[in-house]
Full PDB file with SEQRES, HELIX, SHEET, SSBOND, CRYST1, ORIGX, SCALE, CONECT and MASTER records, all heavy atoms in Angstrom:
SEQRES   1 A   37  ALA ASP ILE THR TYR GLY THR LEU LEU SER GLY THR GLN          
SEQRES   2 A   37  LEU ASN ALA SER VAL VAL GLY GLY LEU ALA GLY SER PHE          
SEQRES   3 A   37  VAL TYR ASN PRO VAL ALA GLY THR ARG LEU ASP                  
HELIX    1 AA1 VAL A   19  GLY A   21  5                                   3    
CRYST1    1.000    1.000    1.000  90.00  90.00  90.00 P 1           1          
ORIGX1      1.000000  0.000000  0.000000        0.00000                         
ORIGX2      0.000000  1.000000  0.000000        0.00000                         
ORIGX3      0.000000  0.000000  1.000000        0.00000                         
SCALE1      1.000000  0.000000  0.000000        0.00000                         
SCALE2      0.000000  1.000000  0.000000        0.00000                         
SCALE3      0.000000  0.000000  1.000000        0.00000                         
ATOM      1  N   ALA A   1     341.455 -15.116 -61.330  1.00  0.00           N  
ATOM      2  CA  ALA A   1     340.656 -13.982 -61.807  1.00  0.00           C  
ATOM      3  C   ALA A   1     341.277 -12.676 -61.318  1.00  0.00           C  
ATOM      4  O   ALA A   1     341.983 -12.649 -60.299  1.00  0.00           O  
ATOM      5  CB  ALA A   1     339.221 -14.104 -61.289  1.00  0.00           C  
ATOM      6  N   ASP A   2     341.026 -11.594 -62.050  1.00  0.00           N  
ATOM      7  CA  ASP A   2     341.526 -10.276 -61.672  1.00  0.00           C  
ATOM      8  C   ASP A   2     341.035  -9.908 -60.274  1.00  0.00           C  
ATOM      9  O   ASP A   2     339.921 -10.283 -59.868  1.00  0.00           O  
ATOM     10  CB  ASP A   2     341.022  -9.204 -62.639  1.00  0.00           C  
ATOM     11  CG  ASP A   2     341.556  -9.390 -64.055  1.00  0.00           C  
ATOM     12  OD1 ASP A   2     342.432 -10.257 -64.270  1.00  0.00           O  
ATOM     13  OD2 ASP A   2     341.095  -8.656 -64.949  1.00  0.00           O  
ATOM     14  N   ILE A   3     341.862  -9.160 -59.558  1.00  0.00           N  
ATOM     15  CA  ILE A   3     341.478  -8.611 -58.256  1.00  0.00           C  
ATOM     16  C   ILE A   3     341.724  -7.103 -58.299  1.00  0.00           C  
ATOM     17  O   ILE A   3     342.381  -6.599 -59.195  1.00  0.00           O  
ATOM     18  CB  ILE A   3     342.249  -9.258 -57.085  1.00  0.00           C  
ATOM     19  CG1 ILE A   3     343.770  -9.071 -57.235  1.00  0.00           C  
ATOM     20  CG2 ILE A   3     341.883 -10.718 -56.936  1.00  0.00           C  
ATOM     21  CD1 ILE A   3     344.581  -9.550 -56.034  1.00  0.00           C  
ATOM     22  N   THR A   4     341.175  -6.388 -57.331  1.00  0.00           N  
ATOM     23  CA  THR A   4     341.357  -4.946 -57.230  1.00  0.00           C  
ATOM     24  C   THR A   4     342.372  -4.653 -56.139  1.00  0.00           C  
ATOM     25  O   THR A   4     342.404  -5.340 -55.109  1.00  0.00           O  
ATOM     26  CB  THR A   4     340.010  -4.266 -56.902  1.00  0.00           C  
ATOM     27  OG1 THR A   4     339.082  -4.591 -57.943  1.00  0.00           O  
ATOM     28  CG2 THR A   4     340.144  -2.762 -56.810  1.00  0.00           C  
ATOM     29  N   TYR A   5     343.197  -3.626 -56.351  1.00  0.00           N  
ATOM     30  CA  TYR A   5     344.185  -3.227 -55.350  1.00  0.00           C  
ATOM     31  C   TYR A   5     343.505  -3.098 -53.994  1.00  0.00           C  
ATOM     32  O   TYR A   5     342.432  -2.516 -53.882  1.00  0.00           O  
ATOM     33  CB  TYR A   5     344.841  -1.892 -55.737  1.00  0.00           C  
ATOM     34  CG  TYR A   5     345.779  -1.386 -54.676  1.00  0.00           C  
ATOM     35  CD1 TYR A   5     347.010  -1.981 -54.488  1.00  0.00           C  
ATOM     36  CD2 TYR A   5     345.410  -0.350 -53.835  1.00  0.00           C  
ATOM     37  CE1 TYR A   5     347.870  -1.540 -53.487  1.00  0.00           C  
ATOM     38  CE2 TYR A   5     346.257   0.107 -52.839  1.00  0.00           C  
ATOM     39  CZ  TYR A   5     347.483  -0.496 -52.662  1.00  0.00           C  
ATOM     40  OH  TYR A   5     348.320  -0.069 -51.680  1.00  0.00           O  
ATOM     41  N   GLY A   6     344.140  -3.650 -52.991  1.00  0.00           N  
ATOM     42  CA  GLY A   6     343.582  -3.651 -51.639  1.00  0.00           C  
ATOM     43  C   GLY A   6     343.088  -5.030 -51.250  1.00  0.00           C  
ATOM     44  O   GLY A   6     342.962  -5.329 -50.069  1.00  0.00           O  
ATOM     45  N   THR A   7     342.798  -5.896 -52.252  1.00  0.00           N  
ATOM     46  CA  THR A   7     342.367  -7.260 -51.966  1.00  0.00           C  
ATOM     47  C   THR A   7     343.591  -8.064 -51.542  1.00  0.00           C  
ATOM     48  O   THR A   7     344.599  -8.095 -52.242  1.00  0.00           O  
ATOM     49  CB  THR A   7     341.744  -7.914 -53.220  1.00  0.00           C  
ATOM     50  OG1 THR A   7     340.641  -7.118 -53.649  1.00  0.00           O  
ATOM     51  CG2 THR A   7     341.286  -9.330 -52.940  1.00  0.00           C  
ATOM     52  N   LEU A   8     343.506  -8.707 -50.393  1.00  0.00           N  
ATOM     53  CA  LEU A   8     344.617  -9.524 -49.909  1.00  0.00           C  
ATOM     54  C   LEU A   8     344.551 -10.909 -50.543  1.00  0.00           C  
ATOM     55  O   LEU A   8     343.464 -11.458 -50.734  1.00  0.00           O  
ATOM     56  CB  LEU A   8     344.566  -9.645 -48.386  1.00  0.00           C  
ATOM     57  CG  LEU A   8     344.596  -8.322 -47.610  1.00  0.00           C  
ATOM     58  CD1 LEU A   8     344.539  -8.584 -46.108  1.00  0.00           C  
ATOM     59  CD2 LEU A   8     345.820  -7.499 -47.956  1.00  0.00           C  
ATOM     60  N   LEU A   9     345.711 -11.459 -50.880  1.00  0.00           N  
ATOM     61  CA  LEU A   9     345.753 -12.810 -51.451  1.00  0.00           C  
ATOM     62  C   LEU A   9     345.189 -13.811 -50.449  1.00  0.00           C  
ATOM     63  O   LEU A   9     345.443 -13.709 -49.246  1.00  0.00           O  
ATOM     64  CB  LEU A   9     347.187 -13.206 -51.805  1.00  0.00           C  
ATOM     65  CG  LEU A   9     347.825 -12.476 -52.979  1.00  0.00           C  
ATOM     66  CD1 LEU A   9     349.280 -12.927 -53.158  1.00  0.00           C  
ATOM     67  CD2 LEU A   9     347.046 -12.704 -54.259  1.00  0.00           C  
ATOM     68  N   SER A  10     344.426 -14.768 -50.969  1.00  0.00           N  
ATOM     69  CA  SER A  10     343.807 -15.786 -50.116  1.00  0.00           C  
ATOM     70  C   SER A  10     343.746 -17.097 -50.884  1.00  0.00           C  
ATOM     71  O   SER A  10     344.270 -17.213 -51.994  1.00  0.00           O  
ATOM     72  CB  SER A  10     342.390 -15.348 -49.718  1.00  0.00           C  
ATOM     73  OG  SER A  10     341.537 -15.376 -50.863  1.00  0.00           O  
ATOM     74  N   GLY A  11     343.069 -18.071 -50.312  1.00  0.00           N  
ATOM     75  CA  GLY A  11     342.889 -19.360 -50.957  1.00  0.00           C  
ATOM     76  C   GLY A  11     342.130 -19.267 -52.270  1.00  0.00           C  
ATOM     77  O   GLY A  11     342.163 -20.190 -53.073  1.00  0.00           O  
ATOM     78  N   THR A  12     341.457 -18.148 -52.494  1.00  0.00           N  
ATOM     79  CA  THR A  12     340.765 -17.963 -53.775  1.00  0.00           C  
ATOM     80  C   THR A  12     341.777 -17.867 -54.907  1.00  0.00           C  
ATOM     81  O   THR A  12     341.549 -18.387 -55.994  1.00  0.00           O  
ATOM     82  CB  THR A  12     339.899 -16.686 -53.730  1.00  0.00           C  
ATOM     83  OG1 THR A  12     338.976 -16.814 -52.657  1.00  0.00           O  
ATOM     84  CG2 THR A  12     339.149 -16.481 -55.034  1.00  0.00           C  
ATOM     85  N   GLN A  13     342.902 -17.211 -54.662  1.00  0.00           N  
ATOM     86  CA  GLN A  13     343.945 -17.089 -55.682  1.00  0.00           C  
ATOM     87  C   GLN A  13     345.016 -18.174 -55.518  1.00  0.00           C  
ATOM     88  O   GLN A  13     345.553 -18.679 -56.501  1.00  0.00           O  
ATOM     89  CB  GLN A  13     344.645 -15.718 -55.593  1.00  0.00           C  
ATOM     90  CG  GLN A  13     343.752 -14.535 -55.870  1.00  0.00           C  
ATOM     91  CD  GLN A  13     342.921 -14.135 -54.655  1.00  0.00           C  
ATOM     92  OE1 GLN A  13     343.335 -14.263 -53.515  1.00  0.00           O  
ATOM     93  NE2 GLN A  13     341.706 -13.657 -54.916  1.00  0.00           N  
ATOM     94  N   LEU A  14     345.324 -18.518 -54.287  1.00  0.00           N  
ATOM     95  CA  LEU A  14     346.389 -19.483 -53.979  1.00  0.00           C  
ATOM     96  C   LEU A  14     345.763 -20.861 -53.804  1.00  0.00           C  
ATOM     97  O   LEU A  14     345.619 -21.371 -52.692  1.00  0.00           O  
ATOM     98  CB  LEU A  14     347.147 -19.041 -52.721  1.00  0.00           C  
ATOM     99  CG  LEU A  14     347.669 -17.599 -52.746  1.00  0.00           C  
ATOM    100  CD1 LEU A  14     348.345 -17.252 -51.435  1.00  0.00           C  
ATOM    101  CD2 LEU A  14     348.610 -17.364 -53.924  1.00  0.00           C  
ATOM    102  N   ASN A  15     345.366 -21.468 -54.931  1.00  0.00           N  
ATOM    103  CA  ASN A  15     344.568 -22.701 -54.895  1.00  0.00           C  
ATOM    104  C   ASN A  15     345.129 -23.801 -55.794  1.00  0.00           C  
ATOM    105  O   ASN A  15     344.381 -24.535 -56.437  1.00  0.00           O  
ATOM    106  CB  ASN A  15     343.125 -22.385 -55.288  1.00  0.00           C  
ATOM    107  CG  ASN A  15     343.025 -21.792 -56.678  1.00  0.00           C  
ATOM    108  OD1 ASN A  15     344.026 -21.498 -57.332  1.00  0.00           O  
ATOM    109  ND2 ASN A  15     341.817 -21.600 -57.149  1.00  0.00           N  
ATOM    110  N   ALA A  16     346.445 -23.949 -55.823  1.00  0.00           N  
ATOM    111  CA  ALA A  16     347.068 -24.993 -56.650  1.00  0.00           C  
ATOM    112  C   ALA A  16     346.721 -26.375 -56.107  1.00  0.00           C  
ATOM    113  O   ALA A  16     346.436 -26.549 -54.923  1.00  0.00           O  
ATOM    114  CB  ALA A  16     348.584 -24.807 -56.671  1.00  0.00           C  
ATOM    115  N   SER A  17     346.762 -27.369 -56.999  1.00  0.00           N  
ATOM    116  CA  SER A  17     346.563 -28.769 -56.609  1.00  0.00           C  
ATOM    117  C   SER A  17     347.543 -29.620 -57.412  1.00  0.00           C  
ATOM    118  O   SER A  17     348.164 -29.143 -58.356  1.00  0.00           O  
ATOM    119  CB  SER A  17     345.118 -29.209 -56.877  1.00  0.00           C  
ATOM    120  OG  SER A  17     344.833 -29.133 -58.266  1.00  0.00           O  
ATOM    121  N   VAL A  18     347.674 -30.882 -56.997  1.00  0.00           N  
ATOM    122  CA  VAL A  18     348.597 -31.796 -57.665  1.00  0.00           C  
ATOM    123  C   VAL A  18     347.798 -32.910 -58.321  1.00  0.00           C  
ATOM    124  O   VAL A  18     346.872 -33.467 -57.716  1.00  0.00           O  
ATOM    125  CB  VAL A  18     349.604 -32.397 -56.656  1.00  0.00           C  
ATOM    126  CG1 VAL A  18     350.488 -33.423 -57.309  1.00  0.00           C  
ATOM    127  CG2 VAL A  18     350.443 -31.300 -56.051  1.00  0.00           C  
ATOM    128  N   VAL A  19     348.156 -33.209 -59.565  1.00  0.00           N  
ATOM    129  CA  VAL A  19     347.501 -34.293 -60.286  1.00  0.00           C  
ATOM    130  C   VAL A  19     347.699 -35.586 -59.498  1.00  0.00           C  
ATOM    131  O   VAL A  19     348.800 -35.884 -59.044  1.00  0.00           O  
ATOM    132  CB  VAL A  19     348.088 -34.441 -61.711  1.00  0.00           C  
ATOM    133  CG1 VAL A  19     347.522 -35.674 -62.401  1.00  0.00           C  
ATOM    134  CG2 VAL A  19     347.807 -33.193 -62.526  1.00  0.00           C  
ATOM    135  N   GLY A  20     346.639 -36.335 -59.312  1.00  0.00           N  
ATOM    136  CA  GLY A  20     346.712 -37.611 -58.598  1.00  0.00           C  
ATOM    137  C   GLY A  20     346.550 -37.481 -57.103  1.00  0.00           C  
ATOM    138  O   GLY A  20     346.571 -38.480 -56.394  1.00  0.00           O  
ATOM    139  N   GLY A  21     346.410 -36.258 -56.595  1.00  0.00           N  
ATOM    140  CA  GLY A  21     346.171 -36.072 -55.168  1.00  0.00           C  
ATOM    141  C   GLY A  21     347.328 -36.483 -54.276  1.00  0.00           C  
ATOM    142  O   GLY A  21     347.126 -36.880 -53.130  1.00  0.00           O  
ATOM    143  N   LEU A  22     348.550 -36.397 -54.770  1.00  0.00           N  
ATOM    144  CA  LEU A  22     349.736 -36.756 -54.002  1.00  0.00           C  
ATOM    145  C   LEU A  22     349.805 -35.927 -52.718  1.00  0.00           C  
ATOM    146  O   LEU A  22     349.552 -34.728 -52.731  1.00  0.00           O  
ATOM    147  CB  LEU A  22     350.975 -36.503 -54.869  1.00  0.00           C  
ATOM    148  CG  LEU A  22     352.332 -36.869 -54.314  1.00  0.00           C  
ATOM    149  CD1 LEU A  22     352.425 -38.382 -54.094  1.00  0.00           C  
ATOM    150  CD2 LEU A  22     353.420 -36.429 -55.278  1.00  0.00           C  
ATOM    151  N   ALA A  23     350.149 -36.573 -51.609  1.00  0.00           N  
ATOM    152  CA  ALA A  23     350.238 -35.871 -50.325  1.00  0.00           C  
ATOM    153  C   ALA A  23     351.484 -34.987 -50.295  1.00  0.00           C  
ATOM    154  O   ALA A  23     352.528 -35.354 -50.835  1.00  0.00           O  
ATOM    155  CB  ALA A  23     350.271 -36.867 -49.178  1.00  0.00           C  
ATOM    156  N   GLY A  24     351.363 -33.835 -49.667  1.00  0.00           N  
ATOM    157  CA  GLY A  24     352.486 -32.926 -49.538  1.00  0.00           C  
ATOM    158  C   GLY A  24     352.014 -31.544 -49.140  1.00  0.00           C  
ATOM    159  O   GLY A  24     350.857 -31.362 -48.757  1.00  0.00           O  
ATOM    160  N   SER A  25     352.904 -30.572 -49.237  1.00  0.00           N  
ATOM    161  CA  SER A  25     352.569 -29.214 -48.830  1.00  0.00           C  
ATOM    162  C   SER A  25     352.923 -28.221 -49.935  1.00  0.00           C  
ATOM    163  O   SER A  25     353.839 -28.453 -50.720  1.00  0.00           O  
ATOM    164  CB  SER A  25     353.309 -28.845 -47.546  1.00  0.00           C  
ATOM    165  OG  SER A  25     354.708 -28.888 -47.757  1.00  0.00           O  
ATOM    166  N   PHE A  26     352.160 -27.116 -49.968  1.00  0.00           N  
ATOM    167  CA  PHE A  26     352.366 -26.050 -50.940  1.00  0.00           C  
ATOM    168  C   PHE A  26     352.977 -24.842 -50.235  1.00  0.00           C  
ATOM    169  O   PHE A  26     352.536 -24.468 -49.150  1.00  0.00           O  
ATOM    170  CB  PHE A  26     351.040 -25.633 -51.578  1.00  0.00           C  
ATOM    171  CG  PHE A  26     350.426 -26.690 -52.443  1.00  0.00           C  
ATOM    172  CD1 PHE A  26     349.482 -27.573 -51.939  1.00  0.00           C  
ATOM    173  CD2 PHE A  26     350.791 -26.808 -53.777  1.00  0.00           C  
ATOM    174  CE1 PHE A  26     348.912 -28.541 -52.749  1.00  0.00           C  
ATOM    175  CE2 PHE A  26     350.230 -27.772 -54.589  1.00  0.00           C  
ATOM    176  CZ  PHE A  26     349.289 -28.644 -54.066  1.00  0.00           C  
ATOM    177  N   VAL A  27     353.964 -24.240 -50.855  1.00  0.00           N  
ATOM    178  CA  VAL A  27     354.569 -23.017 -50.341  1.00  0.00           C  
ATOM    179  C   VAL A  27     354.403 -21.957 -51.434  1.00  0.00           C  
ATOM    180  O   VAL A  27     354.939 -22.107 -52.528  1.00  0.00           O  
ATOM    181  CB  VAL A  27     356.060 -23.215 -50.005  1.00  0.00           C  
ATOM    182  CG1 VAL A  27     356.660 -21.896 -49.515  1.00  0.00           C  
ATOM    183  CG2 VAL A  27     356.239 -24.315 -48.968  1.00  0.00           C  
ATOM    184  N   TYR A  28     353.627 -20.904 -51.115  1.00  0.00           N  
ATOM    185  CA  TYR A  28     353.323 -19.855 -52.089  1.00  0.00           C  
ATOM    186  C   TYR A  28     354.235 -18.645 -51.886  1.00  0.00           C  
ATOM    187  O   TYR A  28     354.624 -18.321 -50.766  1.00  0.00           O  
ATOM    188  CB  TYR A  28     351.868 -19.402 -51.949  1.00  0.00           C  
ATOM    189  CG  TYR A  28     350.877 -20.461 -52.352  1.00  0.00           C  
ATOM    190  CD1 TYR A  28     350.314 -21.305 -51.398  1.00  0.00           C  
ATOM    191  CD2 TYR A  28     350.517 -20.620 -53.686  1.00  0.00           C  
ATOM    192  CE1 TYR A  28     349.403 -22.283 -51.775  1.00  0.00           C  
ATOM    193  CE2 TYR A  28     349.606 -21.591 -54.062  1.00  0.00           C  
ATOM    194  CZ  TYR A  28     349.058 -22.427 -53.104  1.00  0.00           C  
ATOM    195  OH  TYR A  28     348.164 -23.385 -53.477  1.00  0.00           O  
ATOM    196  N   ASN A  29     354.507 -17.971 -52.987  1.00  0.00           N  
ATOM    197  CA  ASN A  29     355.245 -16.719 -52.946  1.00  0.00           C  
ATOM    198  C   ASN A  29     354.613 -15.770 -53.955  1.00  0.00           C  
ATOM    199  O   ASN A  29     354.600 -16.103 -55.132  1.00  0.00           O  
ATOM    200  CB  ASN A  29     356.720 -16.936 -53.287  1.00  0.00           C  
ATOM    201  CG  ASN A  29     357.529 -15.669 -53.119  1.00  0.00           C  
ATOM    202  OD1 ASN A  29     357.136 -14.770 -52.385  1.00  0.00           O  
ATOM    203  ND2 ASN A  29     358.633 -15.569 -53.822  1.00  0.00           N  
ATOM    204  N   PRO A  30     354.045 -14.652 -53.498  1.00  0.00           N  
ATOM    205  CA  PRO A  30     353.910 -14.199 -52.128  1.00  0.00           C  
ATOM    206  C   PRO A  30     352.874 -15.019 -51.367  1.00  0.00           C  
ATOM    207  O   PRO A  30     352.069 -15.728 -51.971  1.00  0.00           O  
ATOM    208  CB  PRO A  30     353.477 -12.747 -52.274  1.00  0.00           C  
ATOM    209  CG  PRO A  30     352.930 -12.619 -53.646  1.00  0.00           C  
ATOM    210  CD  PRO A  30     353.536 -13.694 -54.470  1.00  0.00           C  
ATOM    211  N   VAL A  31     352.883 -14.878 -50.063  1.00  0.00           N  
ATOM    212  CA  VAL A  31     352.037 -15.683 -49.179  1.00  0.00           C  
ATOM    213  C   VAL A  31     350.631 -15.099 -49.060  1.00  0.00           C  
ATOM    214  O   VAL A  31     350.389 -13.945 -49.422  1.00  0.00           O  
ATOM    215  CB  VAL A  31     352.676 -15.805 -47.775  1.00  0.00           C  
ATOM    216  CG1 VAL A  31     354.021 -16.509 -47.856  1.00  0.00           C  
ATOM    217  CG2 VAL A  31     352.823 -14.438 -47.118  1.00  0.00           C  
ATOM    218  N   ALA A  32     349.725 -15.888 -48.525  1.00  0.00           N  
ATOM    219  CA  ALA A  32     348.357 -15.428 -48.248  1.00  0.00           C  
ATOM    220  C   ALA A  32     348.427 -14.214 -47.330  1.00  0.00           C  
ATOM    221  O   ALA A  32     349.275 -14.140 -46.437  1.00  0.00           O  
ATOM    222  CB  ALA A  32     347.544 -16.543 -47.607  1.00  0.00           C  
ATOM    223  N   GLY A  33     347.548 -13.256 -47.563  1.00  0.00           N  
ATOM    224  CA  GLY A  33     347.523 -12.037 -46.765  1.00  0.00           C  
ATOM    225  C   GLY A  33     348.329 -10.901 -47.371  1.00  0.00           C  
ATOM    226  O   GLY A  33     348.325  -9.793 -46.844  1.00  0.00           O  
ATOM    227  N   THR A  34     349.001 -11.164 -48.495  1.00  0.00           N  
ATOM    228  CA  THR A  34     349.798 -10.125 -49.151  1.00  0.00           C  
ATOM    229  C   THR A  34     348.906  -9.231 -49.999  1.00  0.00           C  
ATOM    230  O   THR A  34     348.009  -9.714 -50.680  1.00  0.00           O  
ATOM    231  CB  THR A  34     350.884 -10.764 -50.046  1.00  0.00           C  
ATOM    232  OG1 THR A  34     351.741 -11.569 -49.242  1.00  0.00           O  
ATOM    233  CG2 THR A  34     351.705  -9.709 -50.769  1.00  0.00           C  
ATOM    234  N   ARG A  35     349.166  -7.916 -49.966  1.00  0.00           N  
ATOM    235  CA  ARG A  35     348.469  -6.960 -50.838  1.00  0.00           C  
ATOM    236  C   ARG A  35     349.435  -6.609 -51.968  1.00  0.00           C  
ATOM    237  O   ARG A  35     350.508  -6.071 -51.735  1.00  0.00           O  
ATOM    238  CB  ARG A  35     348.072  -5.706 -50.067  1.00  0.00           C  
ATOM    239  CG  ARG A  35     347.343  -4.687 -50.959  1.00  0.00           C  
ATOM    240  CD  ARG A  35     346.920  -3.458 -50.219  1.00  0.00           C  
ATOM    241  NE  ARG A  35     348.071  -2.779 -49.669  1.00  0.00           N  
ATOM    242  CZ  ARG A  35     348.023  -1.927 -48.651  1.00  0.00           C  
ATOM    243  NH1 ARG A  35     346.878  -1.661 -48.067  1.00  0.00           N  
ATOM    244  NH2 ARG A  35     349.113  -1.347 -48.215  1.00  0.00           N  
ATOM    245  N   LEU A  36     349.036  -6.921 -53.199  1.00  0.00           N  
ATOM    246  CA  LEU A  36     349.872  -6.673 -54.369  1.00  0.00           C  
ATOM    247  C   LEU A  36     349.576  -5.305 -54.964  1.00  0.00           C  
ATOM    248  O   LEU A  36     348.437  -4.836 -54.925  1.00  0.00           O  
ATOM    249  CB  LEU A  36     349.618  -7.741 -55.441  1.00  0.00           C  
ATOM    250  CG  LEU A  36     349.915  -9.187 -55.051  1.00  0.00           C  
ATOM    251  CD1 LEU A  36     349.449 -10.132 -56.154  1.00  0.00           C  
ATOM    252  CD2 LEU A  36     351.400  -9.372 -54.795  1.00  0.00           C  
ATOM    253  N   ASP A  37     350.592  -4.672 -55.561  1.00  0.00           N  
ATOM    254  CA  ASP A  37     350.391  -3.427 -56.287  1.00  0.00           C  
ATOM    255  C   ASP A  37     349.618  -3.700 -57.570  1.00  0.00           C  
ATOM    256  O   ASP A  37     349.607  -4.830 -58.083  1.00  0.00           O  
ATOM    257  CB  ASP A  37     351.734  -2.789 -56.650  1.00  0.00           C  
ATOM    258  CG  ASP A  37     352.388  -2.097 -55.467  1.00  0.00           C  
ATOM    259  OD1 ASP A  37     351.668  -1.685 -54.540  1.00  0.00           O  
ATOM    260  OD2 ASP A  37     353.634  -1.968 -55.483  1.00  0.00           O  
TER     261      ASP A  37                                                      
MASTER        0    0    0    1    0    0    0    6  260    1    0    3          
END                                                                             
């Protein structure tokens, strides 16, 4: 969903999942805590 400038990226936006629940790790770019223009 749209966010307003000043909102830091969090699990609300960075919430990918894998079909079948395969174990592993997610690496996001940009990372949580980033403020986007």
